[in-house]
Amino acid sequence: MKTIGSPGYVKLLQTEAARLGLSATTGISWPVETVRICLKQCRQAHVGLAFMPLSSDDPNEQAMVGASNKPFDYLACGLALLVSDLPDWQKMFVETGCGAGLQSG
């Protein structure tokens, strides 16, 4: 799984934003050192992205819906939440009206 620290990941996000015509409104923050700084930056955003791979052999990645703080941090900051199109993420966040799902394909 690629993260913001993976080679080419930021460029991939920037390319996709450009393809969608969102370059002018899309900002990417590098990893931050403290939760306080992270939450301060979140409060300045509009959407929080909480993506997981659609398929993985890693048991940790298969059971992240309740273990990941990211969606809850975003919601606590008043951000719209966009999550992966995975059944457990859809059930927890989309079906409850707390977020929207990114449709695969």
PDB file of N, CA and C in Angstrom:
ATOM      1  N   MET A   1       0.844  -1.174   0.000  1.00  0.00           N
ATOM      2  CA  MET A   1       0.000   0.000   0.000  1.00  0.00           C
ATOM      3  C   MET A   1       0.887   1.233   0.000  1.00  0.00           C
ATOM      4  N   LYS A   2       0.557   2.183  -0.845  1.00  0.00           N
ATOM      5  CA  LYS A   2       1.313   3.415  -0.895  1.00  0.00           C
ATOM      6  C   LYS A   2       0.727   4.420   0.087  1.00  0.00           C
ATOM      7  N   THR A   3       1.637   5.199   0.680  1.00  0.00           N
ATOM      8  CA  THR A   3       1.226   6.280   1.573  1.00  0.00           C
ATOM      9  C   THR A   3       1.896   7.555   1.092  1.00  0.00           C
ATOM     10  N   ILE A   4       1.617   8.656   1.761  1.00  0.00           N
ATOM     11  CA  ILE A   4       2.178   9.934   1.349  1.00  0.00           C
ATOM     12  C   ILE A   4       3.708   9.913   1.329  1.00  0.00           C
ATOM     13  N   GLY A   5       4.331   9.031   2.099  1.00  0.00           N
ATOM     14  CA  GLY A   5       5.789   8.930   2.117  1.00  0.00           C
ATOM     15  C   GLY A   5       6.349   8.012   1.040  1.00  0.00           C
ATOM     16  N   SER A   6       5.495   7.302   0.328  1.00  0.00           N
ATOM     17  CA  SER A   6       5.957   6.387  -0.723  1.00  0.00           C
ATOM     18  C   SER A   6       6.378   7.165  -1.968  1.00  0.00           C
ATOM     19  N   PRO A   7       7.468   6.717  -2.626  1.00  0.00           N
ATOM     20  CA  PRO A   7       7.910   7.396  -3.844  1.00  0.00           C
ATOM     21  C   PRO A   7       6.796   7.456  -4.892  1.00  0.00           C
ATOM     22  N   GLY A   8       6.547   8.639  -5.401  1.00  0.00           N
ATOM     23  CA  GLY A   8       5.565   8.818  -6.462  1.00  0.00           C
ATOM     24  C   GLY A   8       4.137   9.013  -6.010  1.00  0.00           C
ATOM     25  N   TYR A   9       3.853   8.846  -4.727  1.00  0.00           N
ATOM     26  CA  TYR A   9       2.470   8.919  -4.255  1.00  0.00           C
ATOM     27  C   TYR A   9       1.887  10.327  -4.377  1.00  0.00           C
ATOM     28  N   VAL A  10       2.641  11.324  -3.944  1.00  0.00           N
ATOM     29  CA  VAL A  10       2.152  12.694  -4.015  1.00  0.00           C
ATOM     30  C   VAL A  10       1.919  13.090  -5.469  1.00  0.00           C
ATOM     31  N   LYS A  11       2.837  12.697  -6.356  1.00  0.00           N
ATOM     32  CA  LYS A  11       2.674  12.988  -7.785  1.00  0.00           C
ATOM     33  C   LYS A  11       1.415  12.311  -8.322  1.00  0.00           C
ATOM     34  N   LEU A  12       1.148  11.089  -7.888  1.00  0.00           N
ATOM     35  CA  LEU A  12      -0.061  10.371  -8.295  1.00  0.00           C
ATOM     36  C   LEU A  12      -1.314  11.140  -7.876  1.00  0.00           C
ATOM     37  N   LEU A  13      -1.351  11.645  -6.641  1.00  0.00           N
ATOM     38  CA  LEU A  13      -2.487  12.422  -6.171  1.00  0.00           C
ATOM     39  C   LEU A  13      -2.633  13.722  -6.961  1.00  0.00           C
ATOM     40  N   GLN A  14      -1.504  14.389  -7.229  1.00  0.00           N
ATOM     41  CA  GLN A  14      -1.541  15.637  -7.985  1.00  0.00           C
ATOM     42  C   GLN A  14      -2.022  15.398  -9.414  1.00  0.00           C
ATOM     43  N   THR A  15      -1.598  14.316 -10.021  1.00  0.00           N
ATOM     44  CA  THR A  15      -2.018  13.975 -11.382  1.00  0.00           C
ATOM     45  C   THR A  15      -3.511  13.703 -11.434  1.00  0.00           C
ATOM     46  N   GLU A  16      -4.019  12.972 -10.448  1.00  0.00           N
ATOM     47  CA  GLU A  16      -5.453  12.670 -10.406  1.00  0.00           C
ATOM     48  C   GLU A  16      -6.259  13.944 -10.169  1.00  0.00           C
ATOM     49  N   ALA A  17      -5.779  14.823  -9.300  1.00  0.00           N
ATOM     50  CA  ALA A  17      -6.467  16.094  -9.069  1.00  0.00           C
ATOM     51  C   ALA A  17      -6.510  16.915 -10.357  1.00  0.00           C
ATOM     52  N   ALA A  18      -5.418  16.927 -11.103  1.00  0.00           N
ATOM     53  CA  ALA A  18      -5.381  17.656 -12.376  1.00  0.00           C
ATOM     54  C   ALA A  18      -6.358  17.043 -13.372  1.00  0.00           C
ATOM     55  N   ARG A  19      -6.395  15.720 -13.442  1.00  0.00           N
ATOM     56  CA  ARG A  19      -7.302  15.040 -14.358  1.00  0.00           C
ATOM     57  C   ARG A  19      -8.750  15.408 -14.062  1.00  0.00           C
ATOM     58  N   LEU A  20      -9.061  15.571 -12.791  1.00  0.00           N
ATOM     59  CA  LEU A  20     -10.426  15.906 -12.382  1.00  0.00           C
ATOM     60  C   LEU A  20     -10.697  17.414 -12.394  1.00  0.00           C
ATOM     61  N   GLY A  21      -9.680  18.205 -12.774  1.00  0.00           N
ATOM     62  CA  GLY A  21      -9.846  19.655 -12.804  1.00  0.00           C
ATOM     63  C   GLY A  21      -9.852  20.287 -11.428  1.00  0.00           C
ATOM     64  N   LEU A  22      -9.183  19.644 -10.462  1.00  0.00           N
ATOM     65  CA  LEU A  22      -9.205  20.118  -9.082  1.00  0.00           C
ATOM     66  C   LEU A  22      -7.865  20.650  -8.591  1.00  0.00           C
ATOM     67  N   SER A  23      -6.901  20.829  -9.485  1.00  0.00           N
ATOM     68  CA  SER A  23      -5.561  21.245  -9.065  1.00  0.00           C
ATOM     69  C   SER A  23      -5.560  22.515  -8.237  1.00  0.00           C
ATOM     70  N   ALA A  24      -6.359  23.491  -8.637  1.00  0.00           N
ATOM     71  CA  ALA A  24      -6.366  24.780  -7.948  1.00  0.00           C
ATOM     72  C   ALA A  24      -6.958  24.695  -6.545  1.00  0.00           C
ATOM     73  N   THR A  25      -7.748  23.688  -6.284  1.00  0.00           N
ATOM     74  CA  THR A  25      -8.420  23.588  -4.986  1.00  0.00           C
ATOM     75  C   THR A  25      -7.935  22.419  -4.140  1.00  0.00           C
ATOM     76  N   THR A  26      -6.900  21.727  -4.601  1.00  0.00           N
ATOM     77  CA  THR A  26      -6.395  20.563  -3.883  1.00  0.00           C
ATOM     78  C   THR A  26      -5.036  20.868  -3.272  1.00  0.00           C
ATOM     79  N   GLY A  27      -4.935  20.684  -1.982  1.00  0.00           N
ATOM     80  CA  GLY A  27      -3.660  20.853  -1.289  1.00  0.00           C
ATOM     81  C   GLY A  27      -3.282  19.545  -0.620  1.00  0.00           C
ATOM     82  N   ILE A  28      -2.000  19.251  -0.619  1.00  0.00           N
ATOM     83  CA  ILE A  28      -1.522  18.026   0.011  1.00  0.00           C
ATOM     84  C   ILE A  28      -0.557  18.418   1.114  1.00  0.00           C
ATOM     85  N   SER A  29      -0.855  17.995   2.335  1.00  0.00           N
ATOM     86  CA  SER A  29       0.007  18.295   3.475  1.00  0.00           C
ATOM     87  C   SER A  29       0.925  17.116   3.724  1.00  0.00           C
ATOM     88  N   TRP A  30       2.178  17.409   3.936  1.00  0.00           N
ATOM     89  CA  TRP A  30       3.143  16.352   4.234  1.00  0.00           C
ATOM     90  C   TRP A  30       2.884  15.828   5.634  1.00  0.00           C
ATOM     91  N   PRO A  31       3.424  14.688   5.971  1.00  0.00           N
ATOM     92  CA  PRO A  31       3.231  14.176   7.332  1.00  0.00           C
ATOM     93  C   PRO A  31       3.647  15.228   8.365  1.00  0.00           C
ATOM     94  N   VAL A  32       2.884  15.306   9.429  1.00  0.00           N
ATOM     95  CA  VAL A  32       3.157  16.279  10.482  1.00  0.00           C
ATOM     96  C   VAL A  32       3.650  15.564  11.726  1.00  0.00           C
ATOM     97  N   GLU A  33       4.315  16.327  12.587  1.00  0.00           N
ATOM     98  CA  GLU A  33       4.989  15.715  13.732  1.00  0.00           C
ATOM     99  C   GLU A  33       4.081  15.429  14.915  1.00  0.00           C
ATOM    100  N   THR A  34       3.041  16.209  15.095  1.00  0.00           N
ATOM    101  CA  THR A  34       2.191  16.003  16.267  1.00  0.00           C
ATOM    102  C   THR A  34       0.721  15.976  15.877  1.00  0.00           C
ATOM    103  N   VAL A  35      -0.064  15.352  16.712  1.00  0.00           N
ATOM    104  CA  VAL A  35      -1.508  15.299  16.484  1.00  0.00           C
ATOM    105  C   VAL A  35      -2.084  16.706  16.528  1.00  0.00           C
ATOM    106  N   ARG A  36      -1.592  17.545  17.407  1.00  0.00           N
ATOM    107  CA  ARG A  36      -2.091  18.921  17.516  1.00  0.00           C
ATOM    108  C   ARG A  36      -1.941  19.665  16.192  1.00  0.00           C
ATOM    109  N   ILE A  37      -0.771  19.551  15.559  1.00  0.00           N
ATOM    110  CA  ILE A  37      -0.538  20.210  14.264  1.00  0.00           C
ATOM    111  C   ILE A  37      -1.432  19.586  13.199  1.00  0.00           C
ATOM    112  N   CYS A  38      -1.574  18.274  13.231  1.00  0.00           N
ATOM    113  CA  CYS A  38      -2.414  17.578  12.257  1.00  0.00           C
ATOM    114  C   CYS A  38      -3.859  18.064  12.348  1.00  0.00           C
ATOM    115  N   LEU A  39      -4.392  18.125  13.550  1.00  0.00           N
ATOM    116  CA  LEU A  39      -5.780  18.545  13.721  1.00  0.00           C
ATOM    117  C   LEU A  39      -5.965  20.017  13.354  1.00  0.00           C
ATOM    118  N   LYS A  40      -4.968  20.837  13.611  1.00  0.00           N
ATOM    119  CA  LYS A  40      -5.034  22.245  13.211  1.00  0.00           C
ATOM    120  C   LYS A  40      -5.115  22.350  11.686  1.00  0.00           C
ATOM    121  N   GLN A  41      -4.308  21.554  10.993  1.00  0.00           N
ATOM    122  CA  GLN A  41      -4.351  21.555   9.528  1.00  0.00           C
ATOM    123  C   GLN A  41      -5.683  21.000   9.025  1.00  0.00           C
ATOM    124  N   CYS A  42      -6.203  19.990   9.680  1.00  0.00           N
ATOM    125  CA  CYS A  42      -7.490  19.408   9.279  1.00  0.00           C
ATOM    126  C   CYS A  42      -8.598  20.449   9.337  1.00  0.00           C
ATOM    127  N   ARG A  43      -8.579  21.292  10.348  1.00  0.00           N
ATOM    128  CA  ARG A  43      -9.635  22.295  10.500  1.00  0.00           C
ATOM    129  C   ARG A  43      -9.639  23.312   9.365  1.00  0.00           C
ATOM    130  N   GLN A  44      -8.542  23.373   8.601  1.00  0.00           N
ATOM    131  CA  GLN A  44      -8.454  24.297   7.478  1.00  0.00           C
ATOM    132  C   GLN A  44      -8.870  23.642   6.162  1.00  0.00           C
ATOM    133  N   ALA A  45      -9.160  22.350   6.193  1.00  0.00           N
ATOM    134  CA  ALA A  45      -9.509  21.600   4.981  1.00  0.00           C
ATOM    135  C   ALA A  45     -11.029  21.504   4.830  1.00  0.00           C
ATOM    136  N   HIS A  46     -11.454  20.901   3.741  1.00  0.00           N
ATOM    137  CA  HIS A  46     -12.875  20.694   3.487  1.00  0.00           C
ATOM    138  C   HIS A  46     -13.259  19.212   3.493  1.00  0.00           C
ATOM    139  N   VAL A  47     -12.305  18.349   3.104  1.00  0.00           N
ATOM    140  CA  VAL A  47     -12.582  16.915   2.978  1.00  0.00           C
ATOM    141  C   VAL A  47     -11.431  16.131   3.579  1.00  0.00           C
ATOM    142  N   GLY A  48     -11.771  15.097   4.334  1.00  0.00           N
ATOM    143  CA  GLY A  48     -10.773  14.165   4.855  1.00  0.00           C
ATOM    144  C   GLY A  48     -10.854  12.865   4.078  1.00  0.00           C
ATOM    145  N   LEU A  49      -9.708  12.385   3.621  1.00  0.00           N
ATOM    146  CA  LEU A  49      -9.648  11.138   2.856  1.00  0.00           C
ATOM    147  C   LEU A  49      -9.178  10.009   3.759  1.00  0.00           C
ATOM    148  N   ALA A  50      -9.949   8.940   3.823  1.00  0.00           N
ATOM    149  CA  ALA A  50      -9.580   7.764   4.605  1.00  0.00           C
ATOM    150  C   ALA A  50      -9.677   6.551   3.687  1.00  0.00           C
ATOM    151  N   PHE A  51      -8.633   6.321   2.936  1.00  0.00           N
ATOM    152  CA  PHE A  51      -8.638   5.257   1.940  1.00  0.00           C
ATOM    153  C   PHE A  51      -7.840   4.043   2.399  1.00  0.00           C
ATOM    154  N   MET A  52      -8.360   2.884   2.058  1.00  0.00           N
ATOM    155  CA  MET A  52      -7.693   1.615   2.295  1.00  0.00           C
ATOM    156  C   MET A  52      -7.692   0.852   0.977  1.00  0.00           C
ATOM    157  N   PRO A  53      -6.739  -0.080   0.804  1.00  0.00           N
ATOM    158  CA  PRO A  53      -6.735  -0.872  -0.425  1.00  0.00           C
ATOM    159  C   PRO A  53      -8.025  -1.689  -0.547  1.00  0.00           C
ATOM    160  N   LEU A  54      -8.505  -1.830  -1.758  1.00  0.00           N
ATOM    161  CA  LEU A  54      -9.737  -2.596  -1.976  1.00  0.00           C
ATOM    162  C   LEU A  54      -9.545  -4.082  -1.760  1.00  0.00           C
ATOM    163  N   SER A  55      -8.310  -4.547  -1.860  1.00  0.00           N
ATOM    164  CA  SER A  55      -8.005  -5.947  -1.529  1.00  0.00           C
ATOM    165  C   SER A  55      -6.616  -5.991  -0.921  1.00  0.00           C
ATOM    166  N   SER A  56      -6.453  -6.830   0.073  1.00  0.00           N
ATOM    167  CA  SER A  56      -5.173  -6.944   0.759  1.00  0.00           C
ATOM    168  C   SER A  56      -5.091  -8.287   1.471  1.00  0.00           C
ATOM    169  N   ASP A  57      -3.906  -8.843   1.516  1.00  0.00           N
ATOM    170  CA  ASP A  57      -3.668 -10.067   2.281  1.00  0.00           C
ATOM    171  C   ASP A  57      -3.263  -9.749   3.718  1.00  0.00           C
ATOM    172  N   ASP A  58      -3.043  -8.481   4.012  1.00  0.00           N
ATOM    173  CA  ASP A  58      -2.618  -8.047   5.339  1.00  0.00           C
ATOM    174  C   ASP A  58      -3.833  -8.002   6.267  1.00  0.00           C
ATOM    175  N   PRO A  59      -3.869  -8.849   7.302  1.00  0.00           N
ATOM    176  CA  PRO A  59      -5.026  -8.866   8.205  1.00  0.00           C
ATOM    177  C   PRO A  59      -5.265  -7.525   8.891  1.00  0.00           C
ATOM    178  N   ASN A  60      -4.203  -6.757   9.131  1.00  0.00           N
ATOM    179  CA  ASN A  60      -4.379  -5.438   9.741  1.00  0.00           C
ATOM    180  C   ASN A  60      -5.158  -4.514   8.819  1.00  0.00           C
ATOM    181  N   GLU A  61      -4.874  -4.558   7.524  1.00  0.00           N
ATOM    182  CA  GLU A  61      -5.573  -3.710   6.569  1.00  0.00           C
ATOM    183  C   GLU A  61      -7.014  -4.173   6.371  1.00  0.00           C
ATOM    184  N   GLN A  62      -7.285  -5.431   6.608  1.00  0.00           N
ATOM    185  CA  GLN A  62      -8.641  -5.958   6.450  1.00  0.00           C
ATOM    186  C   GLN A  62      -9.544  -5.571   7.611  1.00  0.00           C
ATOM    187  N   ALA A  63      -8.953  -5.172   8.736  1.00  0.00           N
ATOM    188  CA  ALA A  63      -9.743  -4.879   9.940  1.00  0.00           C
ATOM    189  C   ALA A  63      -9.499  -3.465  10.456  1.00  0.00           C
ATOM    190  N   MET A  64      -9.274  -2.521   9.569  1.00  0.00           N
ATOM    191  CA  MET A  64      -8.940  -1.162   9.984  1.00  0.00           C
ATOM    192  C   MET A  64     -10.132  -0.268  10.282  1.00  0.00           C
ATOM    193  N   VAL A  65     -11.330  -0.657   9.901  1.00  0.00           N
ATOM    194  CA  VAL A  65     -12.457   0.266  10.017  1.00  0.00           C
ATOM    195  C   VAL A  65     -12.651   0.815  11.421  1.00  0.00           C
ATOM    196  N   GLY A  66     -12.506   0.020  12.426  1.00  0.00           N
ATOM    197  CA  GLY A  66     -12.668   0.502  13.793  1.00  0.00           C
ATOM    198  C   GLY A  66     -11.364   0.882  14.455  1.00  0.00           C
ATOM    199  N   ALA A  67     -10.253   0.522  13.837  1.00  0.00           N
ATOM    200  CA  ALA A  67      -8.954   0.762  14.447  1.00  0.00           C
ATOM    201  C   ALA A  67      -8.298   2.053  13.986  1.00  0.00           C
ATOM    202  N   SER A  68      -8.712   2.573  12.858  1.00  0.00           N
ATOM    203  CA  SER A  68      -8.104   3.790  12.326  1.00  0.00           C
ATOM    204  C   SER A  68      -8.738   5.024  12.954  1.00  0.00           C
ATOM    205  N   ASN A  69      -7.917   5.893  13.521  1.00  0.00           N
ATOM    206  CA  ASN A  69      -8.411   7.142  14.107  1.00  0.00           C
ATOM    207  C   ASN A  69      -8.721   8.189  13.043  1.00  0.00           C
ATOM    208  N   LYS A  70      -8.123   8.035  11.860  1.00  0.00           N
ATOM    209  CA  LYS A  70      -8.208   9.075  10.840  1.00  0.00           C
ATOM    210  C   LYS A  70      -9.634   9.548  10.557  1.00  0.00           C
ATOM    211  N   PRO A  71     -10.586   8.652  10.251  1.00  0.00           N
ATOM    212  CA  PRO A  71     -11.933   9.158   9.955  1.00  0.00           C
ATOM    213  C   PRO A  71     -12.559   9.907  11.130  1.00  0.00           C
ATOM    214  N   PHE A  72     -12.301   9.441  12.337  1.00  0.00           N
ATOM    215  CA  PHE A  72     -12.875  10.080  13.516  1.00  0.00           C
ATOM    216  C   PHE A  72     -12.245  11.451  13.761  1.00  0.00           C
ATOM    217  N   ASP A  73     -10.945  11.566  13.515  1.00  0.00           N
ATOM    218  CA  ASP A  73     -10.281  12.866  13.625  1.00  0.00           C
ATOM    219  C   ASP A  73     -10.869  13.845  12.615  1.00  0.00           C
ATOM    220  N   TYR A  74     -11.059  13.392  11.385  1.00  0.00           N
ATOM    221  CA  TYR A  74     -11.642  14.259  10.359  1.00  0.00           C
ATOM    222  C   TYR A  74     -13.045  14.704  10.756  1.00  0.00           C
ATOM    223  N   LEU A  75     -13.868  13.778  11.197  1.00  0.00           N
ATOM    224  CA  LEU A  75     -15.225  14.115  11.597  1.00  0.00           C
ATOM    225  C   LEU A  75     -15.231  15.085  12.787  1.00  0.00           C
ATOM    226  N   ALA A  76     -14.316  14.885  13.733  1.00  0.00           N
ATOM    227  CA  ALA A  76     -14.234  15.768  14.891  1.00  0.00           C
ATOM    228  C   ALA A  76     -13.855  17.189  14.492  1.00  0.00           C
ATOM    229  N   CYS A  77     -13.163  17.322  13.359  1.00  0.00           N
ATOM    230  CA  CYS A  77     -12.766  18.641  12.851  1.00  0.00           C
ATOM    231  C   CYS A  77     -13.830  19.238  11.933  1.00  0.00           C
ATOM    232  N   GLY A  78     -14.939  18.549  11.755  1.00  0.00           N
ATOM    233  CA  GLY A  78     -16.021  19.055  10.930  1.00  0.00           C
ATOM    234  C   GLY A  78     -15.832  18.862   9.441  1.00  0.00           C
ATOM    235  N   LEU A  79     -14.926  17.967   9.050  1.00  0.00           N
ATOM    236  CA  LEU A  79     -14.671  17.730   7.629  1.00  0.00           C
ATOM    237  C   LEU A  79     -15.673  16.744   7.036  1.00  0.00           C
ATOM    238  N   ALA A  80     -15.935  16.915   5.754  1.00  0.00           N
ATOM    239  CA  ALA A  80     -16.639  15.866   5.015  1.00  0.00           C
ATOM    240  C   ALA A  80     -15.679  14.682   4.944  1.00  0.00           C
ATOM    241  N   LEU A  81     -16.194  13.487   4.966  1.00  0.00           N
ATOM    242  CA  LEU A  81     -15.354  12.291   4.988  1.00  0.00           C
ATOM    243  C   LEU A  81     -15.590  11.467   3.732  1.00  0.00           C
ATOM    244  N   LEU A  82     -14.509  11.084   3.069  1.00  0.00           N
ATOM    245  CA  LEU A  82     -14.567  10.234   1.886  1.00  0.00           C
ATOM    246  C   LEU A  82     -13.776   8.964   2.190  1.00  0.00           C
ATOM    247  N   VAL A  83     -14.433   7.801   2.063  1.00  0.00           N
ATOM    248  CA  VAL A  83     -13.805   6.525   2.417  1.00  0.00           C
ATOM    249  C   VAL A  83     -13.785   5.579   1.214  1.00  0.00           C
ATOM    250  N   SER A  84     -12.976   4.553   1.319  1.00  0.00           N
ATOM    251  CA  SER A  84     -12.881   3.528   0.279  1.00  0.00           C
ATOM    252  C   SER A  84     -14.194   2.774   0.136  1.00  0.00           C
ATOM    253  N   ASP A  85     -14.389   2.206  -1.036  1.00  0.00           N
ATOM    254  CA  ASP A  85     -15.585   1.417  -1.335  1.00  0.00           C
ATOM    255  C   ASP A  85     -15.400  -0.010  -0.823  1.00  0.00           C
ATOM    256  N   LEU A  86     -15.358  -0.143   0.493  1.00  0.00           N
ATOM    257  CA  LEU A  86     -15.225  -1.438   1.163  1.00  0.00           C
ATOM    258  C   LEU A  86     -16.460  -1.640   2.036  1.00  0.00           C
ATOM    259  N   PRO A  87     -17.000  -2.854   2.080  1.00  0.00           N
ATOM    260  CA  PRO A  87     -18.263  -3.083   2.810  1.00  0.00           C
ATOM    261  C   PRO A  87     -18.272  -2.567   4.243  1.00  0.00           C
ATOM    262  N   ASP A  88     -17.220  -2.841   5.018  1.00  0.00           N
ATOM    263  CA  ASP A  88     -17.249  -2.419   6.417  1.00  0.00           C
ATOM    264  C   ASP A  88     -17.118  -0.897   6.559  1.00  0.00           C
ATOM    265  N   TRP A  89     -16.368  -0.254   5.676  1.00  0.00           N
ATOM    266  CA  TRP A  89     -16.245   1.205   5.702  1.00  0.00           C
ATOM    267  C   TRP A  89     -17.562   1.849   5.254  1.00  0.00           C
ATOM    268  N   GLN A  90     -18.200   1.252   4.257  1.00  0.00           N
ATOM    269  CA  GLN A  90     -19.485   1.756   3.787  1.00  0.00           C
ATOM    270  C   GLN A  90     -20.526   1.652   4.913  1.00  0.00           C
ATOM    271  N   LYS A  91     -20.558   0.504   5.586  1.00  0.00           N
ATOM    272  CA  LYS A  91     -21.532   0.294   6.659  1.00  0.00           C
ATOM    273  C   LYS A  91     -21.316   1.266   7.810  1.00  0.00           C
ATOM    274  N   MET A  92     -20.065   1.464   8.191  1.00  0.00           N
ATOM    275  CA  MET A  92     -19.780   2.296   9.352  1.00  0.00           C
ATOM    276  C   MET A  92     -19.931   3.792   9.069  1.00  0.00           C
ATOM    277  N   PHE A  93     -19.523   4.234   7.890  1.00  0.00           N
ATOM    278  CA  PHE A  93     -19.500   5.676   7.642  1.00  0.00           C
ATOM    279  C   PHE A  93     -20.541   6.160   6.629  1.00  0.00           C
ATOM    280  N   VAL A  94     -20.733   5.433   5.545  1.00  0.00           N
ATOM    281  CA  VAL A  94     -21.648   5.900   4.494  1.00  0.00           C
ATOM    282  C   VAL A  94     -23.094   5.626   4.873  1.00  0.00           C
ATOM    283  N   GLU A  95     -23.407   4.401   5.268  1.00  0.00           N
ATOM    284  CA  GLU A  95     -24.790   4.052   5.589  1.00  0.00           C
ATOM    285  C   GLU A  95     -25.325   4.800   6.825  1.00  0.00           C
ATOM    286  N   THR A  96     -24.428   5.276   7.666  1.00  0.00           N
ATOM    287  CA  THR A  96     -24.854   6.043   8.848  1.00  0.00           C
ATOM    288  C   THR A  96     -24.941   7.529   8.561  1.00  0.00           C
ATOM    289  N   GLY A  97     -24.561   7.931   7.338  1.00  0.00           N
ATOM    290  CA  GLY A  97     -24.618   9.331   6.954  1.00  0.00           C
ATOM    291  C   GLY A  97     -23.440  10.163   7.416  1.00  0.00           C
ATOM    292  N   CYS A  98     -22.386   9.501   7.884  1.00  0.00           N
ATOM    293  CA  CYS A  98     -21.213  10.232   8.371  1.00  0.00           C
ATOM    294  C   CYS A  98     -20.192  10.518   7.275  1.00  0.00           C
ATOM    295  N   GLY A  99     -20.298   9.856   6.153  1.00  0.00           N
ATOM    296  CA  GLY A  99     -19.321  10.043   5.085  1.00  0.00           C
ATOM    297  C   GLY A  99     -19.882   9.609   3.749  1.00  0.00           C
ATOM    298  N   ALA A 100     -19.059   9.759   2.749  1.00  0.00           N
ATOM    299  CA  ALA A 100     -19.390   9.333   1.394  1.00  0.00           C
ATOM    300  C   ALA A 100     -18.345   8.327   0.947  1.00  0.00           C
ATOM    301  N   GLY A 101     -18.757   7.413   0.093  1.00  0.00           N
ATOM    302  CA  GLY A 101     -17.849   6.387  -0.399  1.00  0.00           C
ATOM    303  C   GLY A 101     -17.306   6.726  -1.776  1.00  0.00           C
ATOM    304  N   LEU A 102     -16.042   6.455  -1.968  1.00  0.00           N
ATOM    305  CA  LEU A 102     -15.420   6.605  -3.270  1.00  0.00           C
ATOM    306  C   LEU A 102     -15.721   5.339  -4.056  1.00  0.00           C
ATOM    307  N   GLN A 103     -16.465   5.458  -5.102  1.00  0.00           N
ATOM    308  CA  GLN A 103     -16.847   4.301  -5.909  1.00  0.00           C
ATOM    309  C   GLN A 103     -15.676   3.853  -6.763  1.00  0.00           C
ATOM    310  N   SER A 104     -15.359   2.579  -6.707  1.00  0.00           N
ATOM    311  CA  SER A 104     -14.267   2.021  -7.506  1.00  0.00           C
ATOM    312  C   SER A 104     -14.688   1.926  -8.958  1.00  0.00           C
ATOM    313  N   GLY A 105     -13.676   1.919  -9.821  1.00  0.00           N
ATOM    314  CA  GLY A 105     -13.948   1.746 -11.239  1.00  0.00           C
ATOM    315  C   GLY A 105     -14.088   3.028 -11.895  1.00  0.00           C
TER     316      GLY A 105
END
